[in-house]
């Protein structure tokens, strides 16, 4: 597969170089423009640009003007970069058809992850036959979710939500972004509907539901590094062997194993009330 072209538009040469270096490492071809007019010249000259990373504040023509001009003739994905975190700017960007809005300073790795996620959603970046995260497998074509070889029965919206999380794993997603991408921009309901769906989704995924982490005050993130399996430990008291299964979030690794039994009962039992 040919390398996809990304146009990086920013009047700061150091910023362009930083973004370019990370994109090149991820196997993208990168074109650069230092202002809005140059960006349009390159865009109309190069017919196969897959995505544009566009700064807002630039000389000659700002990012908003460039975006308006491009949207007249093209639906090419656009990520806007800005040093301003103003909600009005973000809303303006989405109204103009911006696909993603990132405030400076930002992590170049996260930027590349978002580039890849957008290109997957627009079917420009080659996808694997199935999405995987932890023990979850999502087959988009067959509309199936599989855990431990067994199908998981999800509603249509739960499936769309899980797919969006997995396509953006490792990225913190605000409730607004989730609403815009899963419920679409014309949804006027309460953002709390996301929390309800996430709760149901976690329940249906069982232990793998722990992969969906809550980002307090913001939204959610699919975290592949999250611990989901129960830790099994074997303890001995005299000649009796006890197998205890302890959820990781209830276990204190600072307590040595040889101190887990006190007065004939386990410290774990004291902490959790589980004496069986």
Protein backbone atom coordinates (compact mmCIF):
# COMPACT_ATOMS: atom_id res chain seq x y z
CA UNK A 1 0.00 0.00 0.00
CA UNK A 2 1.30 3.49 -0.94
CA UNK A 3 2.21 5.87 1.84
CA UNK A 4 -0.58 8.35 2.53
CA UNK A 5 0.12 12.05 2.16
CA UNK A 6 -0.52 14.45 5.05
CA UNK A 7 -0.36 18.21 4.55
CA UNK A 8 0.95 20.05 7.65
CA UNK A 9 0.13 23.77 7.68
CA UNK A 10 1.70 25.96 10.36
CA UNK A 11 3.64 29.23 10.25
CA UNK A 12 6.11 27.92 12.86
CA UNK A 13 8.82 25.88 11.15
CA UNK A 14 9.77 24.10 14.39
CA UNK A 15 6.19 22.94 14.89
CA UNK A 16 6.02 21.65 11.30
CA UNK A 17 9.28 19.76 11.76
CA UNK A 18 8.12 18.18 15.02
CA UNK A 19 4.85 16.97 13.50
CA UNK A 20 6.56 15.88 10.28
CA UNK A 21 9.15 13.77 12.09
CA UNK A 22 6.52 11.83 14.03
CA UNK A 23 4.35 11.31 10.96
CA UNK A 24 7.30 10.10 8.86
CA UNK A 25 8.16 7.59 11.60
CA UNK A 26 4.60 6.30 11.26
CA UNK A 27 5.07 5.77 7.51
CA UNK A 28 3.31 8.88 6.17
CA UNK A 29 4.51 11.19 3.41
CA UNK A 30 4.41 14.79 4.63
CA UNK A 31 3.92 18.02 2.70
CA UNK A 32 4.44 21.38 4.43
CA UNK A 33 3.03 24.88 4.09
CA UNK A 34 3.91 27.97 6.10
CA UNK A 35 0.72 29.96 5.48
CA UNK A 36 -2.85 29.55 4.25
CA UNK A 37 -2.25 30.62 0.66
CA UNK A 38 0.63 28.19 0.25
CA UNK A 39 -1.54 25.45 1.77
CA UNK A 40 -4.27 25.97 -0.84
CA UNK A 41 -1.72 26.01 -3.67
CA UNK A 42 -0.30 22.67 -2.52
CA UNK A 43 -3.76 21.18 -1.89
CA UNK A 44 -4.99 21.94 -5.42
CA UNK A 45 -1.69 20.84 -6.97
CA UNK A 46 -1.51 17.53 -5.12
CA UNK A 47 -4.65 15.52 -5.85
CA UNK A 48 -4.11 12.71 -3.37
CA UNK A 49 -3.73 14.37 0.05
CA UNK A 50 -5.31 12.06 2.63
CA UNK A 51 -5.50 14.50 5.57
CA UNK A 52 -4.66 18.09 6.53
CA UNK A 53 -3.27 19.28 9.86
CA UNK A 54 -4.12 22.96 9.91
CA UNK A 55 -3.07 25.72 12.31
CA UNK A 56 -5.63 28.44 13.03
CA UNK A 57 -3.50 31.56 13.42
CA UNK A 58 -1.39 32.12 10.29
CA UNK A 59 -0.37 35.04 8.04
CA UNK A 60 -2.01 35.85 4.67
CA UNK A 61 -4.94 33.49 5.27
CA UNK A 62 -5.91 31.94 8.60
CA UNK A 63 -6.97 28.35 9.17
CA UNK A 64 -10.70 29.16 9.21
CA UNK A 65 -10.50 30.68 5.73
CA UNK A 66 -8.47 27.76 4.43
CA UNK A 67 -10.98 25.31 5.90
CA UNK A 68 -13.94 27.13 4.31
CA UNK A 69 -12.21 27.16 0.93
CA UNK A 70 -11.36 23.46 1.05
CA UNK A 71 -14.82 22.44 2.22
CA UNK A 72 -16.36 23.98 -0.90
CA UNK A 73 -14.74 21.28 -3.03
CA UNK A 74 -13.49 18.52 -0.74
CA UNK A 75 -14.32 16.40 2.31
CA UNK A 76 -10.67 15.64 3.05
CA UNK A 77 -10.24 15.10 6.83
CA UNK A 78 -8.96 18.20 8.66
CA UNK A 79 -7.38 18.42 12.11
CA UNK A 80 -7.23 21.97 13.46
CA UNK A 81 -4.40 23.07 15.75
CA UNK A 82 -4.76 26.11 17.97
CA UNK A 83 -3.08 27.79 20.91
CA UNK A 84 -6.51 28.88 22.13
CA UNK A 85 -8.73 26.57 24.13
CA UNK A 86 -11.86 28.67 23.54
CA UNK A 87 -15.03 26.58 23.29
CA UNK A 88 -16.41 28.98 20.67
CA UNK A 89 -13.42 28.29 18.44
CA UNK A 90 -13.94 24.56 18.79
CA UNK A 91 -17.63 24.85 17.95
CA UNK A 92 -16.82 27.03 14.95
CA UNK A 93 -14.37 24.41 13.74
CA UNK A 94 -16.91 21.59 13.95
CA UNK A 95 -19.52 23.75 12.19
CA UNK A 96 -17.06 24.26 9.34
CA UNK A 97 -16.59 20.52 9.02
CA UNK A 98 -13.38 20.03 11.00
CA UNK A 99 -12.87 16.39 11.95
CA UNK A 100 -10.71 16.97 15.03
CA UNK A 101 -9.65 19.97 17.11
CA UNK A 102 -6.44 19.89 19.16
CA UNK A 103 -5.17 22.61 21.49
CA UNK A 104 -1.48 23.42 21.85
CA UNK A 105 0.62 22.20 23.55
CA UNK A 106 -0.12 18.62 22.55
CA UNK A 107 1.58 15.24 22.46
CA UNK A 108 2.91 14.40 18.95
CA UNK A 109 2.22 10.73 19.63
CA UNK A 110 -1.42 11.48 20.43
CA UNK A 111 -1.66 13.62 17.30
CA UNK A 112 -0.40 10.72 15.16
CA UNK A 113 -2.84 8.37 16.91
CA UNK A 114 -5.70 10.70 16.03
CA UNK A 115 -4.51 10.97 12.44
CA UNK A 116 -4.54 7.19 12.17
CA UNK A 117 -7.95 6.91 13.86
CA UNK A 118 -9.52 9.41 11.45
CA UNK A 119 -7.99 7.69 8.42
CA UNK A 120 -9.31 4.34 9.63
CA UNK A 121 -12.80 5.78 10.02
CA UNK A 122 -12.66 7.23 6.51
CA UNK A 123 -11.38 3.89 5.17
CA UNK A 124 -8.14 5.38 3.85
CA UNK A 125 -5.82 3.59 6.23
CA UNK A 126 -5.70 -0.16 5.78
CA UNK A 127 -7.47 -1.91 8.61
CA UNK A 128 -6.96 -5.31 10.04
CA UNK A 129 -9.75 -7.79 9.50
CA UNK A 130 -10.82 -7.19 13.09
CA UNK A 131 -10.18 -4.68 15.86
CA UNK A 132 -8.63 -6.09 19.01
CA UNK A 133 -8.02 -4.72 22.48
CA UNK A 134 -7.20 -6.92 25.45
CA UNK A 135 -9.42 -9.97 25.13
CA UNK A 136 -12.02 -8.19 22.95
CA UNK A 137 -12.30 -8.76 19.20
CA UNK A 138 -14.63 -6.64 17.07
CA UNK A 139 -15.46 -7.77 13.53
CA UNK A 140 -16.99 -4.68 11.93
CA UNK A 141 -18.02 -6.38 8.70
CA UNK A 142 -19.81 -9.21 10.48
CA UNK A 143 -21.00 -6.87 13.26
CA UNK A 144 -19.71 -9.28 15.92
CA UNK A 145 -18.03 -8.86 19.29
CA UNK A 146 -16.14 -11.88 20.59
CA UNK A 147 -14.60 -12.49 24.03
CA UNK A 148 -12.97 -15.84 24.87
CA UNK A 149 -14.44 -17.36 21.71
CA UNK A 150 -17.99 -16.42 22.67
CA UNK A 151 -20.19 -13.84 20.99
CA UNK A 152 -21.31 -10.86 23.07
CA UNK A 153 -24.80 -9.58 22.35
CA UNK A 154 -24.72 -5.78 22.03
CA UNK A 155 -27.30 -3.28 20.86
CA UNK A 156 -26.53 -1.29 17.71
CA UNK A 157 -25.47 1.81 19.65
CA UNK A 158 -23.39 -0.24 22.12
CA UNK A 159 -21.58 -1.81 19.17
CA UNK A 160 -20.93 1.61 17.62
CA UNK A 161 -19.67 2.95 20.95
CA UNK A 162 -17.31 0.01 21.51
CA UNK A 163 -16.01 0.27 17.94
CA UNK A 164 -15.31 3.99 18.40
CA UNK A 165 -13.44 3.31 21.64
CA UNK A 166 -11.33 0.58 20.01
CA UNK A 167 -10.54 2.66 16.94
CA UNK A 168 -9.26 5.35 19.31
CA UNK A 169 -7.66 3.18 21.99
CA UNK A 170 -5.18 5.04 24.14
CA UNK A 171 -6.85 8.39 23.38
CA UNK A 172 -8.85 10.28 26.02
CA UNK A 173 -12.23 11.07 24.47
CA UNK A 174 -14.49 13.80 25.79
CA UNK A 175 -18.23 13.19 26.05
CA UNK A 176 -18.74 15.84 23.35
CA UNK A 177 -16.50 13.99 20.91
CA UNK A 178 -18.21 10.70 21.66
CA UNK A 179 -21.62 12.27 21.08
CA UNK A 180 -20.50 13.86 17.82
CA UNK A 181 -18.98 10.67 16.44
CA UNK A 182 -21.35 7.99 17.75
CA UNK A 183 -24.64 9.89 18.06
CA UNK A 184 -23.76 12.41 15.29
CA UNK A 185 -23.83 16.21 15.38
CA UNK A 186 -27.62 16.47 15.13
CA UNK A 187 -28.17 14.72 18.47
CA UNK A 188 -29.63 17.10 21.05
CA UNK A 189 -30.03 14.74 23.99
CA UNK A 190 -28.27 14.77 27.34
CA UNK A 191 -24.58 13.81 27.34
CA UNK A 192 -25.35 11.58 30.30
CA UNK A 193 -26.76 9.05 27.85
CA UNK A 194 -23.11 8.18 27.19
CA UNK A 195 -22.57 7.24 30.83
CA UNK A 196 -25.64 5.01 30.72
CA UNK A 197 -24.45 3.24 27.58
CA UNK A 198 -20.92 2.84 28.93
CA UNK A 199 -22.28 1.29 32.12
CA UNK A 200 -24.31 -1.23 30.13
CA UNK A 201 -21.42 -1.90 27.78
CA UNK A 202 -18.99 -2.57 30.64
CA UNK A 203 -21.47 -4.96 32.19
CA UNK A 204 -21.88 -6.95 28.97
CA UNK A 205 -18.10 -7.11 28.42
CA UNK A 206 -17.52 -8.62 31.86
CA UNK A 207 -13.95 -8.32 33.13
CA UNK A 208 -12.89 -6.82 29.78
CA UNK A 209 -15.16 -3.89 30.56
CA UNK A 210 -12.37 -2.62 32.82
CA UNK A 211 -10.50 -1.65 29.65
CA UNK A 212 -12.88 1.30 29.34
CA UNK A 213 -11.44 3.76 31.85
CA UNK A 214 -13.25 6.82 33.14
CA UNK A 215 -11.38 10.12 32.71
CA UNK A 216 -12.93 12.14 35.52
CA UNK A 217 -14.35 15.48 34.43
CA UNK A 218 -13.84 14.65 30.75
CA UNK A 219 -15.00 11.31 29.36
CA UNK A 220 -13.52 7.89 28.66
CA UNK A 221 -10.47 6.09 27.26
CA UNK A 222 -9.95 2.55 25.98
CA UNK A 223 -6.81 1.54 27.86
CA UNK A 224 -5.19 -1.65 26.62
CA UNK A 225 -2.74 -1.62 29.53
CA UNK A 226 -5.50 -1.85 32.12
CA UNK A 227 -5.54 -4.90 34.36
CA UNK A 228 -8.65 -6.97 33.75
CA UNK A 229 -7.90 -10.47 34.95
CA UNK A 230 -8.21 -11.63 38.49
CA UNK A 231 -4.96 -12.37 40.18
CA UNK A 232 -4.74 -15.86 41.52
CA UNK A 233 -2.54 -16.43 44.55
CA UNK A 234 -1.92 -19.59 46.52
CA UNK A 235 -1.43 -19.38 50.26
CA UNK A 236 -0.59 -21.99 52.85
CA UNK A 237 -1.70 -22.07 56.46
CA UNK A 238 -0.27 -25.14 58.14
CA UNK A 239 -1.17 -28.00 55.82
CA UNK A 240 -4.17 -26.21 54.23
CA UNK A 241 -3.79 -24.69 50.76
CA UNK A 242 -6.18 -21.84 49.93
CA UNK A 243 -6.64 -20.41 46.44
CA UNK A 244 -7.80 -16.82 46.62
CA UNK A 245 -8.88 -14.83 43.58
CA UNK A 246 -8.42 -11.17 44.18
CA UNK A 247 -9.56 -8.35 41.86
CA UNK A 248 -6.51 -6.18 41.23
CA UNK A 249 -8.21 -2.99 42.35
CA UNK A 250 -8.92 -4.57 45.75
CA UNK A 251 -5.41 -5.94 46.26
CA UNK A 252 -2.62 -4.13 48.04
CA UNK A 253 0.67 -5.35 46.51
CA UNK A 254 2.59 -3.67 49.35
CA UNK A 255 1.41 -6.40 51.75
CA UNK A 256 3.79 -9.41 51.67
CA UNK A 257 2.14 -12.76 51.00
CA UNK A 258 3.36 -14.18 54.30
CA UNK A 259 1.40 -11.48 56.15
CA UNK A 260 -1.89 -12.07 54.42
CA UNK A 261 -3.11 -14.49 57.09
CA UNK A 262 -3.87 -13.11 60.52
CA UNK A 263 -5.50 -15.01 63.40
CA UNK A 264 -6.77 -17.82 61.21
CA UNK A 265 -8.40 -15.67 58.53
CA UNK A 266 -7.04 -13.84 55.51
CA UNK A 267 -6.29 -10.16 55.44
CA UNK A 268 -8.11 -10.13 52.11
CA UNK A 269 -11.20 -11.45 53.88
CA UNK A 270 -10.86 -8.74 56.53
CA UNK A 271 -10.62 -6.08 53.85
CA UNK A 272 -13.45 -7.30 51.64
CA UNK A 273 -15.76 -9.22 53.92
CA UNK A 274 -15.32 -12.36 51.81
CA UNK A 275 -14.66 -15.32 54.11
CA UNK A 276 -15.53 -18.23 51.86
